[in-house]
Amino acid sequence: MKRAALVTGAARGIGAAVARTFAGAGWEVWGLDLHEPGDGSPFRGFLTADVAEPEQVRRAVATLAEGPGRLDVLVNNAALQVALPLLETPPEVWDRVLAVNLRGALLCAQAAYPLLKAVRGAVVNMSSVHAAATSCSIAAYAVSKGGLAALTRTMALEFAADGIRANAVLPGAVDTEMLRDGLRRGHLDGADEEALLADLGARHPLGRIARPEEIARAVLFLADSEQSSFVTGHCLTVDGGALCRLSTE
């Protein structure tokens, strides 16, 4: 039987790249998102749910359990980014970002746990470099991703008794719709989107931003028990060296 993956936030961006990468490696991939996937999607099945809503998550995972009945990895990728200064962030916006980005990972892990336990599977959480260093006007997102890194460590400790590994990937700037939407939040000058992307890339030691597939390959490594069997509780930074450079340079 093929190994199976459940990827949240799978309709586009990094989530879609993760789905394609896993499918290309021979995995059976299930997607979960509020949005429908595009044409040519690689999914064995696609589940529509809001990861912040416990009953929707429970129903979605129950559908998976009744279908293939196997789950080797849960990739908690679903995320919401809102670009607002801290003092201008309404409580309801703050709550929604943390509900999707942080509570959603908890709810999905709780629902998927029996399936993961049965095969001594893995959880990969999509955190961010904003868990380690951040910018202005992105507080709710940064806090949620910092919390997700901490949640990963807790999962690693509490899930180890059942043979389940838990790790996180911390991407830097990745060419996705989310990044492009956030380019104008005020920390970069200029008006042309491609010029902004080029400028952002030039700020990295490697001289560019990442492609979604580069993040997906890191996720696959952490998911694959043959490649990373003794890795748990780890936060793997994939940022082109961005966090290596002192801000005072």
C-alpha atoms as a PDB file:
ATOM      1  CA  MET A   1       0.000   0.000   0.000  1.00  0.00           C
ATOM      2  CA  LYS A   2       1.233   3.488  -0.850  1.00  0.00           C
ATOM      3  CA  ARG A   3       2.186   5.844   1.936  1.00  0.00           C
ATOM      4  CA  ALA A   4      -0.445   8.561   2.415  1.00  0.00           C
ATOM      5  CA  ALA A   5      -0.138  12.255   3.214  1.00  0.00           C
ATOM      6  CA  LEU A   6      -2.721  14.815   4.286  1.00  0.00           C
ATOM      7  CA  VAL A   7      -1.738  18.384   3.366  1.00  0.00           C
ATOM      8  CA  THR A   8      -3.744  21.318   4.700  1.00  0.00           C
ATOM      9  CA  GLY A   9      -3.850  24.573   2.787  1.00  0.00           C
ATOM     10  CA  ALA A  10      -3.186  22.416  -0.248  1.00  0.00           C
ATOM     11  CA  ALA A  11      -4.982  24.314  -3.012  1.00  0.00           C
ATOM     12  CA  ARG A  12      -2.177  26.729  -3.833  1.00  0.00           C
ATOM     13  CA  GLY A  13       1.238  28.058  -2.894  1.00  0.00           C
ATOM     14  CA  ILE A  14       3.530  25.919  -0.768  1.00  0.00           C
ATOM     15  CA  GLY A  15       0.724  23.463   0.006  1.00  0.00           C
ATOM     16  CA  ALA A  16       0.127  22.726  -3.670  1.00  0.00           C
ATOM     17  CA  ALA A  17       3.875  22.303  -4.207  1.00  0.00           C
ATOM     18  CA  VAL A  18       4.033  19.883  -1.271  1.00  0.00           C
ATOM     19  CA  ALA A  19       1.181  17.865  -2.785  1.00  0.00           C
ATOM     20  CA  ARG A  20       2.917  17.683  -6.188  1.00  0.00           C
ATOM     21  CA  THR A  21       6.242  16.728  -4.620  1.00  0.00           C
ATOM     22  CA  PHE A  22       4.767  13.934  -2.509  1.00  0.00           C
ATOM     23  CA  ALA A  23       2.751  12.595  -5.431  1.00  0.00           C
ATOM     24  CA  GLY A  24       5.864  12.632  -7.597  1.00  0.00           C
ATOM     25  CA  ALA A  25       7.639  10.565  -4.943  1.00  0.00           C
ATOM     26  CA  GLY A  26       4.914   7.934  -5.074  1.00  0.00           C
ATOM     27  CA  TRP A  27       2.785   8.981  -2.131  1.00  0.00           C
ATOM     28  CA  GLU A  28      -1.020   9.060  -2.126  1.00  0.00           C
ATOM     29  CA  VAL A  29      -1.942  12.658  -1.334  1.00  0.00           C
ATOM     30  CA  TRP A  30      -5.097  14.031   0.237  1.00  0.00           C
ATOM     31  CA  GLY A  31      -5.630  17.781   0.262  1.00  0.00           C
ATOM     32  CA  LEU A  32      -7.634  19.907   2.668  1.00  0.00           C
ATOM     33  CA  ASP A  33      -8.506  23.535   2.031  1.00  0.00           C
ATOM     34  CA  LEU A  34     -11.335  26.049   1.928  1.00  0.00           C
ATOM     35  CA  HIS A  35     -10.515  26.644  -1.737  1.00  0.00           C
ATOM     36  CA  GLU A  36     -10.778  24.191  -4.614  1.00  0.00           C
ATOM     37  CA  PRO A  37      -7.518  23.041  -6.249  1.00  0.00           C
ATOM     38  CA  GLY A  38      -6.592  24.011  -9.773  1.00  0.00           C
ATOM     39  CA  ASP A  39      -6.636  21.819 -12.846  1.00  0.00           C
ATOM     40  CA  GLY A  40      -4.249  18.890 -12.932  1.00  0.00           C
ATOM     41  CA  SER A  41      -4.070  18.571  -9.155  1.00  0.00           C
ATOM     42  CA  PRO A  42      -2.300  15.459  -7.832  1.00  0.00           C
ATOM     43  CA  PHE A  43      -4.776  14.553  -5.113  1.00  0.00           C
ATOM     44  CA  ARG A  44      -6.175  11.110  -4.400  1.00  0.00           C
ATOM     45  CA  GLY A  45      -8.960  12.965  -2.626  1.00  0.00           C
ATOM     46  CA  PHE A  46      -9.734  16.546  -1.652  1.00  0.00           C
ATOM     47  CA  LEU A  47     -11.508  17.617   1.532  1.00  0.00           C
ATOM     48  CA  THR A  48     -13.142  21.003   2.043  1.00  0.00           C
ATOM     49  CA  ALA A  49     -12.866  22.262   5.606  1.00  0.00           C
ATOM     50  CA  ASP A  50     -11.878  25.208   7.780  1.00  0.00           C
ATOM     51  CA  VAL A  51      -8.995  23.970   9.938  1.00  0.00           C
ATOM     52  CA  ALA A  52     -10.038  26.358  12.718  1.00  0.00           C
ATOM     53  CA  GLU A  53     -13.394  24.598  13.146  1.00  0.00           C
ATOM     54  CA  PRO A  54     -13.196  21.388  15.239  1.00  0.00           C
ATOM     55  CA  GLU A  55     -16.249  19.654  13.767  1.00  0.00           C
ATOM     56  CA  GLN A  56     -15.207  20.368  10.180  1.00  0.00           C
ATOM     57  CA  VAL A  57     -11.751  18.946  10.867  1.00  0.00           C
ATOM     58  CA  ARG A  58     -13.200  15.886  12.559  1.00  0.00           C
ATOM     59  CA  ARG A  59     -15.512  15.174   9.624  1.00  0.00           C
ATOM     60  CA  ALA A  60     -12.752  15.639   7.081  1.00  0.00           C
ATOM     61  CA  VAL A  61     -10.360  13.260   8.814  1.00  0.00           C
ATOM     62  CA  ALA A  62     -13.188  10.751   9.329  1.00  0.00           C
ATOM     63  CA  THR A  63     -13.715  10.767   5.560  1.00  0.00           C
ATOM     64  CA  LEU A  64     -10.057   9.984   5.074  1.00  0.00           C
ATOM     65  CA  ALA A  65     -10.220   7.207   7.664  1.00  0.00           C
ATOM     66  CA  GLU A  66     -13.189   5.644   5.889  1.00  0.00           C
ATOM     67  CA  GLY A  67     -11.406   5.869   2.526  1.00  0.00           C
ATOM     68  CA  PRO A  68      -7.797   4.691   2.407  1.00  0.00           C
ATOM     69  CA  GLY A  69      -7.746   4.232   6.183  1.00  0.00           C
ATOM     70  CA  ARG A  70      -4.043   5.052   6.292  1.00  0.00           C
ATOM     71  CA  LEU A  71      -2.122   8.218   7.059  1.00  0.00           C
ATOM     72  CA  ASP A  72       1.669   8.393   7.234  1.00  0.00           C
ATOM     73  CA  VAL A  73       2.133  12.148   7.526  1.00  0.00           C
ATOM     74  CA  LEU A  74       0.072  15.199   8.387  1.00  0.00           C
ATOM     75  CA  VAL A  75       1.426  18.422   6.879  1.00  0.00           C
ATOM     76  CA  ASN A  76      -0.059  21.390   8.728  1.00  0.00           C
ATOM     77  CA  ASN A  77       0.396  24.062   6.087  1.00  0.00           C
ATOM     78  CA  ALA A  78      -2.869  26.052   6.154  1.00  0.00           C
ATOM     79  CA  ALA A  79      -2.147  29.677   7.027  1.00  0.00           C
ATOM     80  CA  LEU A  80      -3.562  33.177   7.009  1.00  0.00           C
ATOM     81  CA  GLN A  81      -1.394  36.293   6.884  1.00  0.00           C
ATOM     82  CA  VAL A  82      -2.762  39.741   7.699  1.00  0.00           C
ATOM     83  CA  ALA A  83      -0.534  42.790   7.315  1.00  0.00           C
ATOM     84  CA  LEU A  84      -1.507  45.314   9.980  1.00  0.00           C
ATOM     85  CA  PRO A  85       0.458  47.286  12.574  1.00  0.00           C
ATOM     86  CA  LEU A  86       0.124  45.808  16.041  1.00  0.00           C
ATOM     87  CA  LEU A  87      -1.800  48.780  17.406  1.00  0.00           C
ATOM     88  CA  GLU A  88      -4.247  48.629  14.504  1.00  0.00           C
ATOM     89  CA  THR A  89      -4.971  44.884  14.662  1.00  0.00           C
ATOM     90  CA  PRO A  90      -8.595  44.252  15.738  1.00  0.00           C
ATOM     91  CA  PRO A  91      -9.078  41.443  18.258  1.00  0.00           C
ATOM     92  CA  GLU A  92     -11.221  39.485  15.819  1.00  0.00           C
ATOM     93  CA  VAL A  93      -8.453  39.598  13.176  1.00  0.00           C
ATOM     94  CA  TRP A  94      -5.859  38.521  15.730  1.00  0.00           C
ATOM     95  CA  ASP A  95      -8.077  35.656  16.842  1.00  0.00           C
ATOM     96  CA  ARG A  96      -8.759  34.484  13.290  1.00  0.00           C
ATOM     97  CA  VAL A  97      -5.057  34.392  12.334  1.00  0.00           C
ATOM     98  CA  LEU A  98      -4.152  32.394  15.441  1.00  0.00           C
ATOM     99  CA  ALA A  99      -7.162  30.122  14.967  1.00  0.00           C
ATOM    100  CA  VAL A 100      -6.133  29.145  11.439  1.00  0.00           C
ATOM    101  CA  ASN A 101      -2.364  29.096  11.855  1.00  0.00           C
ATOM    102  CA  LEU A 102      -2.024  27.634  15.339  1.00  0.00           C
ATOM    103  CA  ARG A 103      -5.257  26.117  16.607  1.00  0.00           C
ATOM    104  CA  GLY A 104      -5.793  24.503  13.205  1.00  0.00           C
ATOM    105  CA  ALA A 105      -2.547  22.557  13.540  1.00  0.00           C
ATOM    106  CA  LEU A 106      -3.602  21.298  16.949  1.00  0.00           C
ATOM    107  CA  LEU A 107      -7.077  20.270  15.777  1.00  0.00           C
ATOM    108  CA  CYS A 108      -5.732  18.419  12.731  1.00  0.00           C
ATOM    109  CA  ALA A 109      -3.117  16.613  14.808  1.00  0.00           C
ATOM    110  CA  GLN A 110      -5.698  15.568  17.377  1.00  0.00           C
ATOM    111  CA  ALA A 111      -8.054  14.256  14.700  1.00  0.00           C
ATOM    112  CA  ALA A 112      -5.347  12.477  12.711  1.00  0.00           C
ATOM    113  CA  TYR A 113      -3.544  10.984  15.706  1.00  0.00           C
ATOM    114  CA  PRO A 114      -5.110   7.488  15.643  1.00  0.00           C
ATOM    115  CA  LEU A 115      -4.198   7.063  11.969  1.00  0.00           C
ATOM    116  CA  LEU A 116      -0.665   8.329  12.519  1.00  0.00           C
ATOM    117  CA  LYS A 117      -0.216   6.115  15.567  1.00  0.00           C
ATOM    118  CA  ALA A 118      -1.197   3.019  13.586  1.00  0.00           C
ATOM    119  CA  VAL A 119       1.804   3.429  11.249  1.00  0.00           C
ATOM    120  CA  ARG A 120       4.179   5.365  13.550  1.00  0.00           C
ATOM    121  CA  GLY A 121       3.858   8.323  11.217  1.00  0.00           C
ATOM    122  CA  ALA A 122       4.903  11.955  11.304  1.00  0.00           C
ATOM    123  CA  VAL A 123       3.667  15.529  11.576  1.00  0.00           C
ATOM    124  CA  VAL A 124       5.324  18.377   9.690  1.00  0.00           C
ATOM    125  CA  ASN A 125       4.229  21.868  10.698  1.00  0.00           C
ATOM    126  CA  MET A 126       4.797  24.826   8.395  1.00  0.00           C
ATOM    127  CA  SER A 127       6.192  27.543  10.625  1.00  0.00           C
ATOM    128  CA  SER A 128       8.175  30.520   9.292  1.00  0.00           C
ATOM    129  CA  VAL A 129      11.367  32.514   9.762  1.00  0.00           C
ATOM    130  CA  HIS A 130       9.028  34.957  11.477  1.00  0.00           C
ATOM    131  CA  ALA A 131       9.176  32.544  14.420  1.00  0.00           C
ATOM    132  CA  ALA A 132      12.813  33.589  14.878  1.00  0.00           C
ATOM    133  CA  ALA A 133      13.006  37.153  13.514  1.00  0.00           C
ATOM    134  CA  THR A 134      10.242  39.326  12.203  1.00  0.00           C
ATOM    135  CA  SER A 135       9.130  42.612  10.630  1.00  0.00           C
ATOM    136  CA  CYS A 136       6.733  45.408  11.399  1.00  0.00           C
ATOM    137  CA  SER A 137       3.037  45.099  10.547  1.00  0.00           C
ATOM    138  CA  ILE A 138       2.830  41.323  10.680  1.00  0.00           C
ATOM    139  CA  ALA A 139       2.462  40.656  14.406  1.00  0.00           C
ATOM    140  CA  ALA A 140      -0.403  38.155  14.418  1.00  0.00           C
ATOM    141  CA  TYR A 141       1.285  36.009  11.777  1.00  0.00           C
ATOM    142  CA  ALA A 142       4.647  36.097  13.548  1.00  0.00           C
ATOM    143  CA  VAL A 143       3.104  35.183  16.891  1.00  0.00           C
ATOM    144  CA  SER A 144       1.184  32.294  15.340  1.00  0.00           C
ATOM    145  CA  LYS A 145       4.298  30.923  13.657  1.00  0.00           C
ATOM    146  CA  GLY A 146       6.349  31.256  16.844  1.00  0.00           C
ATOM    147  CA  GLY A 147       3.622  29.373  18.651  1.00  0.00           C
ATOM    148  CA  LEU A 148       3.662  26.697  15.978  1.00  0.00           C
ATOM    149  CA  ALA A 149       7.390  26.143  16.507  1.00  0.00           C
ATOM    150  CA  ALA A 150       6.748  25.710  20.226  1.00  0.00           C
ATOM    151  CA  LEU A 151       3.798  23.413  19.527  1.00  0.00           C
ATOM    152  CA  THR A 152       6.078  21.289  17.346  1.00  0.00           C
ATOM    153  CA  ARG A 153       8.451  20.701  20.243  1.00  0.00           C
ATOM    154  CA  THR A 154       5.554  19.749  22.493  1.00  0.00           C
ATOM    155  CA  MET A 155       4.201  17.355  19.867  1.00  0.00           C
ATOM    156  CA  ALA A 156       7.626  15.753  19.539  1.00  0.00           C
ATOM    157  CA  LEU A 157       7.749  15.066  23.272  1.00  0.00           C
ATOM    158  CA  GLU A 158       4.183  13.892  23.747  1.00  0.00           C
ATOM    159  CA  PHE A 159       3.840  11.909  20.516  1.00  0.00           C
ATOM    160  CA  ALA A 160       7.161  10.055  20.787  1.00  0.00           C
ATOM    161  CA  ALA A 161       5.719   7.295  22.982  1.00  0.00           C
ATOM    162  CA  ASP A 162       3.581   6.219  20.010  1.00  0.00           C
ATOM    163  CA  GLY A 163       6.443   6.472  17.537  1.00  0.00           C
ATOM    164  CA  ILE A 164       5.151   9.659  15.885  1.00  0.00           C
ATOM    165  CA  ARG A 165       7.780  12.228  14.924  1.00  0.00           C
ATOM    166  CA  ALA A 166       6.962  15.950  14.788  1.00  0.00           C
ATOM    167  CA  ASN A 167       9.076  18.575  13.059  1.00  0.00           C
ATOM    168  CA  ALA A 168       8.645  22.011  11.523  1.00  0.00           C
ATOM    169  CA  VAL A 169       9.878  23.789   8.426  1.00  0.00           C
ATOM    170  CA  LEU A 170      10.640  27.506   8.693  1.00  0.00           C
ATOM    171  CA  PRO A 171      10.550  28.958   5.174  1.00  0.00           C
ATOM    172  CA  GLY A 172      11.897  32.350   4.361  1.00  0.00           C
ATOM    173  CA  ALA A 173      10.613  34.364   1.406  1.00  0.00           C
ATOM    174  CA  VAL A 174       8.915  32.073  -1.117  1.00  0.00           C
ATOM    175  CA  ASP A 175       7.387  33.124  -4.429  1.00  0.00           C
ATOM    176  CA  THR A 176       3.733  32.538  -3.568  1.00  0.00           C
ATOM    177  CA  GLU A 177       0.519  34.510  -3.752  1.00  0.00           C
ATOM    178  CA  MET A 178       0.779  35.148  -0.007  1.00  0.00           C
ATOM    179  CA  LEU A 179       4.204  36.753  -0.399  1.00  0.00           C
ATOM    180  CA  ARG A 180       3.087  38.879  -3.324  1.00  0.00           C
ATOM    181  CA  ASP A 181       0.013  40.014  -1.392  1.00  0.00           C
ATOM    182  CA  GLY A 182       2.226  41.099   1.488  1.00  0.00           C
ATOM    183  CA  LEU A 183       4.845  42.978  -0.528  1.00  0.00           C
ATOM    184  CA  ARG A 184       3.149  46.325  -0.051  1.00  0.00           C
ATOM    185  CA  ARG A 185       2.779  46.222   3.711  1.00  0.00           C
ATOM    186  CA  GLY A 186       5.298  49.043   3.994  1.00  0.00           C
ATOM    187  CA  HIS A 187       8.737  47.556   4.721  1.00  0.00           C
ATOM    188  CA  LEU A 188       9.826  47.642   1.066  1.00  0.00           C
ATOM    189  CA  ASP A 189       9.915  50.690  -1.158  1.00  0.00           C
ATOM    190  CA  GLY A 190       8.781  50.801  -4.751  1.00  0.00           C
ATOM    191  CA  ALA A 191       5.656  50.111  -6.756  1.00  0.00           C
ATOM    192  CA  ASP A 192       6.512  47.435  -9.316  1.00  0.00           C
ATOM    193  CA  GLU A 193       5.849  43.913  -8.024  1.00  0.00           C
ATOM    194  CA  GLU A 194       8.667  42.220  -9.925  1.00  0.00           C
ATOM    195  CA  ALA A 195      11.093  44.917  -8.836  1.00  0.00           C
ATOM    196  CA  LEU A 196      10.015  44.376  -5.238  1.00  0.00           C
ATOM    197  CA  LEU A 197      10.590  40.627  -5.584  1.00  0.00           C
ATOM    198  CA  ALA A 198      14.029  41.200  -7.088  1.00  0.00           C
ATOM    199  CA  ASP A 199      14.922  43.622  -4.307  1.00  0.00           C
ATOM    200  CA  LEU A 200      13.748  41.139  -1.678  1.00  0.00           C
ATOM    201  CA  GLY A 201      15.786  38.375  -3.287  1.00  0.00           C
ATOM    202  CA  ALA A 202      18.903  40.537  -3.356  1.00  0.00           C
ATOM    203  CA  ARG A 203      18.681  40.885   0.421  1.00  0.00           C
ATOM    204  CA  HIS A 204      19.357  37.142   0.768  1.00  0.00           C
ATOM    205  CA  PRO A 205      22.905  35.700   0.827  1.00  0.00           C
ATOM    206  CA  LEU A 206      21.878  33.362  -2.023  1.00  0.00           C
ATOM    207  CA  GLY A 207      20.624  36.370  -3.988  1.00  0.00           C
ATOM    208  CA  ARG A 208      17.048  35.205  -4.609  1.00  0.00           C
ATOM    209  CA  ILE A 209      13.836  34.061  -2.973  1.00  0.00           C
ATOM    210  CA  ALA A 210      12.748  30.422  -2.860  1.00  0.00           C
ATOM    211  CA  ARG A 211      10.555  28.449  -5.208  1.00  0.00           C
ATOM    212  CA  PRO A 212       7.682  26.591  -3.488  1.00  0.00           C
ATOM    213  CA  GLU A 213       9.139  23.259  -4.617  1.00  0.00           C
ATOM    214  CA  GLU A 214      12.302  23.933  -2.610  1.00  0.00           C
ATOM    215  CA  ILE A 215      10.252  24.129   0.583  1.00  0.00           C
ATOM    216  CA  ALA A 216       8.271  21.056  -0.435  1.00  0.00           C
ATOM    217  CA  ARG A 217      11.408  18.955  -0.698  1.00  0.00           C
ATOM    218  CA  ALA A 218      12.340  19.862   2.888  1.00  0.00           C
ATOM    219  CA  VAL A 219       8.865  18.778   3.998  1.00  0.00           C
ATOM    220  CA  LEU A 220       9.257  15.465   2.182  1.00  0.00           C
ATOM    221  CA  PHE A 221      12.579  14.839   3.920  1.00  0.00           C
ATOM    222  CA  LEU A 222      11.051  15.340   7.368  1.00  0.00           C
ATOM    223  CA  ALA A 223       7.993  13.252   6.473  1.00  0.00           C
ATOM    224  CA  ASP A 224       9.912  10.273   5.130  1.00  0.00           C
ATOM    225  CA  SER A 225      10.793   7.880   7.954  1.00  0.00           C
ATOM    226  CA  GLU A 226      13.467   6.310   5.757  1.00  0.00           C
ATOM    227  CA  GLN A 227      15.305   9.629   5.422  1.00  0.00           C
ATOM    228  CA  SER A 228      14.701  11.276   8.796  1.00  0.00           C
ATOM    229  CA  SER A 229      13.880   8.413  11.152  1.00  0.00           C
ATOM    230  CA  PHE A 230      15.797   9.906  14.122  1.00  0.00           C
ATOM    231  CA  VAL A 231      14.745  13.531  13.606  1.00  0.00           C
ATOM    232  CA  THR A 232      12.006  14.912  15.839  1.00  0.00           C
ATOM    233  CA  GLY A 233      11.367  18.225  17.565  1.00  0.00           C
ATOM    234  CA  HIS A 234      13.477  19.977  14.937  1.00  0.00           C
ATOM    235  CA  CYS A 235      12.786  23.311  13.226  1.00  0.00           C
ATOM    236  CA  LEU A 236      14.418  23.223   9.798  1.00  0.00           C
ATOM    237  CA  THR A 237      15.072  26.719   8.456  1.00  0.00           C
ATOM    238  CA  VAL A 238      14.917  27.023   4.662  1.00  0.00           C
ATOM    239  CA  ASP A 239      15.574  30.692   3.997  1.00  0.00           C
ATOM    240  CA  GLY A 240      18.511  31.142   1.623  1.00  0.00           C
ATOM    241  CA  GLY A 241      20.653  32.272   4.536  1.00  0.00           C
ATOM    242  CA  ALA A 242      18.447  35.223   5.494  1.00  0.00           C
ATOM    243  CA  LEU A 243      18.643  34.606   9.244  1.00  0.00           C
ATOM    244  CA  CYS A 244      22.453  34.317   9.128  1.00  0.00           C
ATOM    245  CA  ARG A 245      22.953  38.017   8.483  1.00  0.00           C
ATOM    246  CA  LEU A 246      22.991  40.570  11.284  1.00  0.00           C
ATOM    247  CA  SER A 247      20.405  43.299  10.824  1.00  0.00           C
ATOM    248  CA  THR A 248      23.111  45.858  11.618  1.00  0.00           C
ATOM    249  CA  GLU A 249      25.173  44.982   8.521  1.00  0.00           C
END
